[in-house]
C-alpha cells in the first residue's frame, strides 16, 4: 500500500464526531427559543431609559486642521 491508501484507511475507520453535534444543536435550540419568546412578545423590556444625571450640555466640537 502506498501512503495515500494508508491515509484513506485511517480516515475510513475514524469515529464520527458526534461530540460537536450535541452542543451545536443545544445552542441552536436555545437561540431559537429565546428569539421566539422575544419576537412573540413574551419577553420584553419595560425599563424606561433615562439620561444620566450630569449629562453634558455642550455639543461636541470637531476641528479639522491641515
N, C-alpha and C. Protein backbone atom coordinates (compact mmCIF):
# COMPACT_ATOMS: atom_id res chain seq x y z
N UNK A 1 0.83 -1.19 0.00
CA UNK A 1 0.00 0.00 0.00
C UNK A 1 0.87 1.24 0.00
N UNK A 2 0.45 2.20 -0.73
CA UNK A 2 1.20 3.44 -0.70
C UNK A 2 0.62 4.36 0.40
N UNK A 3 1.22 5.53 0.53
CA UNK A 3 0.85 6.43 1.62
C UNK A 3 -0.59 6.92 1.51
N UNK A 4 -1.08 7.16 0.31
CA UNK A 4 -2.44 7.63 0.11
C UNK A 4 -3.46 6.58 0.55
N UNK A 5 -3.20 5.33 0.22
CA UNK A 5 -4.11 4.26 0.63
C UNK A 5 -4.15 4.12 2.15
N UNK A 6 -3.01 4.29 2.80
CA UNK A 6 -2.97 4.17 4.25
C UNK A 6 -3.75 5.31 4.91
N UNK A 7 -3.61 6.52 4.40
CA UNK A 7 -4.34 7.63 5.00
C UNK A 7 -5.84 7.49 4.76
N UNK A 8 -6.23 6.90 3.63
CA UNK A 8 -7.64 6.66 3.38
C UNK A 8 -8.20 5.64 4.35
N UNK A 9 -7.44 4.61 4.64
CA UNK A 9 -7.89 3.59 5.58
C UNK A 9 -8.07 4.18 6.98
N UNK A 10 -7.16 5.05 7.38
CA UNK A 10 -7.28 5.69 8.69
C UNK A 10 -8.52 6.58 8.72
N UNK A 11 -8.75 7.33 7.66
CA UNK A 11 -9.92 8.21 7.60
C UNK A 11 -11.21 7.40 7.58
N UNK A 12 -11.21 6.28 6.87
CA UNK A 12 -12.41 5.47 6.73
C UNK A 12 -12.84 4.87 8.06
N UNK A 13 -11.90 4.56 8.93
CA UNK A 13 -12.21 3.91 10.19
C UNK A 13 -12.28 4.89 11.36
N UNK A 14 -12.23 6.16 11.08
CA UNK A 14 -12.29 7.15 12.14
C UNK A 14 -13.71 7.26 12.69
N UNK A 15 -13.81 7.51 13.99
CA UNK A 15 -15.11 7.65 14.64
C UNK A 15 -15.77 8.95 14.20
N UNK A 16 -17.08 8.97 14.01
CA UNK A 16 -17.77 10.21 13.68
C UNK A 16 -17.69 11.20 14.85
N UNK A 17 -17.77 12.46 14.55
CA UNK A 17 -17.60 13.48 15.59
C UNK A 17 -18.97 13.93 16.11
N UNK A 18 -19.64 13.05 16.83
CA UNK A 18 -20.94 13.39 17.40
C UNK A 18 -20.80 14.33 18.59
N UNK A 19 -19.61 14.40 19.19
CA UNK A 19 -19.42 15.24 20.37
C UNK A 19 -19.59 16.71 20.05
N UNK A 20 -19.44 17.11 18.80
CA UNK A 20 -19.62 18.52 18.44
C UNK A 20 -21.09 18.80 18.07
N UNK A 21 -21.84 17.78 17.70
CA UNK A 21 -23.22 18.00 17.26
C UNK A 21 -24.15 18.31 18.43
N UNK A 22 -23.92 17.70 19.59
CA UNK A 22 -24.81 17.93 20.73
C UNK A 22 -24.73 19.37 21.23
N UNK A 23 -23.54 19.93 21.49
CA UNK A 23 -23.51 21.34 21.91
C UNK A 23 -24.03 22.30 20.84
N UNK A 24 -23.74 22.00 19.58
CA UNK A 24 -24.21 22.86 18.50
C UNK A 24 -25.74 22.83 18.41
N UNK A 25 -26.32 21.66 18.51
CA UNK A 25 -27.78 21.54 18.47
C UNK A 25 -28.41 22.23 19.67
N UNK A 26 -27.79 22.10 20.85
CA UNK A 26 -28.30 22.75 22.06
C UNK A 26 -28.26 24.27 21.90
N UNK A 27 -27.16 24.78 21.37
CA UNK A 27 -27.04 26.22 21.16
C UNK A 27 -28.11 26.72 20.20
N UNK A 28 -28.34 26.01 19.12
CA UNK A 28 -29.35 26.43 18.15
C UNK A 28 -30.75 26.40 18.75
N UNK A 29 -31.04 25.41 19.58
CA UNK A 29 -32.35 25.32 20.22
C UNK A 29 -32.55 26.47 21.20
N UNK A 30 -31.53 26.78 21.99
CA UNK A 30 -31.64 27.88 22.95
C UNK A 30 -31.82 29.22 22.23
N UNK A 31 -31.05 29.44 21.18
CA UNK A 31 -31.20 30.69 20.40
C UNK A 31 -32.59 30.77 19.80
N UNK A 32 -33.09 29.67 19.29
CA UNK A 32 -34.43 29.66 18.71
C UNK A 32 -35.51 29.94 19.74
N UNK A 33 -35.37 29.35 20.94
CA UNK A 33 -36.37 29.58 21.98
C UNK A 33 -36.36 31.04 22.45
N UNK A 34 -35.20 31.58 22.71
CA UNK A 34 -35.12 32.96 23.17
C UNK A 34 -35.62 33.91 22.09
N UNK A 35 -35.24 33.67 20.84
CA UNK A 35 -35.73 34.52 19.75
C UNK A 35 -37.24 34.45 19.63
N UNK A 36 -37.79 33.25 19.74
CA UNK A 36 -39.24 33.10 19.67
C UNK A 36 -39.96 33.82 20.79
N UNK A 37 -39.39 33.75 22.00
CA UNK A 37 -40.01 34.44 23.13
C UNK A 37 -39.92 35.96 22.98
N UNK A 38 -38.80 36.45 22.47
CA UNK A 38 -38.65 37.90 22.29
C UNK A 38 -39.57 38.40 21.19
N UNK A 39 -39.55 37.74 20.04
CA UNK A 39 -40.39 38.19 18.93
C UNK A 39 -41.86 37.92 19.17
N UNK A 40 -42.18 36.97 20.02
CA UNK A 40 -43.57 36.69 20.35
C UNK A 40 -44.13 37.64 21.39
N UNK A 41 -43.28 38.45 22.00
CA UNK A 41 -43.75 39.42 22.96
C UNK A 41 -43.81 38.90 24.39
N UNK A 42 -43.38 37.66 24.61
CA UNK A 42 -43.40 37.10 25.96
C UNK A 42 -42.32 37.74 26.81
N UNK A 43 -41.12 37.88 26.25
CA UNK A 43 -40.03 38.58 26.92
C UNK A 43 -39.92 39.97 26.34
N UNK A 44 -40.06 40.94 27.19
CA UNK A 44 -39.92 42.31 26.72
C UNK A 44 -39.36 43.17 27.85
N UNK A 45 -38.65 44.19 27.45
CA UNK A 45 -38.08 45.09 28.45
C UNK A 45 -39.08 46.17 28.80
N UNK A 46 -39.18 46.51 30.07
CA UNK A 46 -40.09 47.57 30.48
C UNK A 46 -39.34 48.66 31.24
N UNK A 47 -38.01 48.64 31.16
CA UNK A 47 -37.20 49.65 31.83
C UNK A 47 -37.23 50.94 31.01
N UNK A 48 -37.54 52.05 31.66
CA UNK A 48 -37.58 53.34 30.99
C UNK A 48 -36.16 53.85 30.89
N UNK A 49 -35.77 54.27 29.71
CA UNK A 49 -34.41 54.81 29.52
C UNK A 49 -34.40 56.27 29.91
N UNK A 50 -33.45 56.59 30.77
CA UNK A 50 -33.32 57.97 31.22
C UNK A 50 -31.90 58.43 30.97
N UNK A 51 -31.75 59.73 30.79
CA UNK A 51 -30.42 60.31 30.61
C UNK A 51 -29.69 60.30 31.95
N UNK A 52 -28.38 60.26 31.92
CA UNK A 52 -27.64 60.33 33.18
C UNK A 52 -27.87 61.66 33.89
N UNK A 53 -27.62 61.70 35.19
CA UNK A 53 -27.88 62.92 35.97
C UNK A 53 -27.09 64.12 35.44
N UNK A 54 -25.83 63.92 35.19
CA UNK A 54 -24.98 65.03 34.77
C UNK A 54 -24.61 64.87 33.29
N UNK A 55 -25.60 64.90 32.47
CA UNK A 55 -25.37 64.76 31.04
C UNK A 55 -24.71 66.03 30.51
N UNK A 56 -23.81 65.91 29.55
CA UNK A 56 -23.17 67.12 29.00
C UNK A 56 -24.19 67.97 28.26
N UNK A 57 -24.05 69.26 28.39
CA UNK A 57 -25.00 70.18 27.74
C UNK A 57 -24.40 70.86 26.52
N UNK A 58 -23.11 70.68 26.28
CA UNK A 58 -22.48 71.31 25.11
C UNK A 58 -22.38 70.30 23.98
N UNK A 59 -22.44 70.82 22.79
CA UNK A 59 -22.30 69.96 21.62
C UNK A 59 -20.82 69.62 21.41
N UNK A 60 -20.53 68.45 20.96
CA UNK A 60 -19.12 68.11 20.69
C UNK A 60 -18.58 68.97 19.55
N UNK A 61 -17.33 69.35 19.66
CA UNK A 61 -16.69 70.19 18.66
C UNK A 61 -15.70 69.34 17.85
N UNK A 62 -15.80 69.46 16.54
CA UNK A 62 -14.90 68.74 15.66
C UNK A 62 -14.03 69.79 14.95
N UNK A 63 -12.73 69.66 15.11
CA UNK A 63 -11.82 70.59 14.45
C UNK A 63 -11.07 69.82 13.38
N UNK A 64 -11.07 70.36 12.18
CA UNK A 64 -10.34 69.76 11.09
C UNK A 64 -9.20 70.72 10.73
N UNK A 65 -7.99 70.25 10.92
CA UNK A 65 -6.84 71.11 10.64
C UNK A 65 -5.96 70.45 9.60
N UNK A 66 -5.34 71.26 8.74
CA UNK A 66 -4.48 70.66 7.71
C UNK A 66 -3.21 70.09 8.29
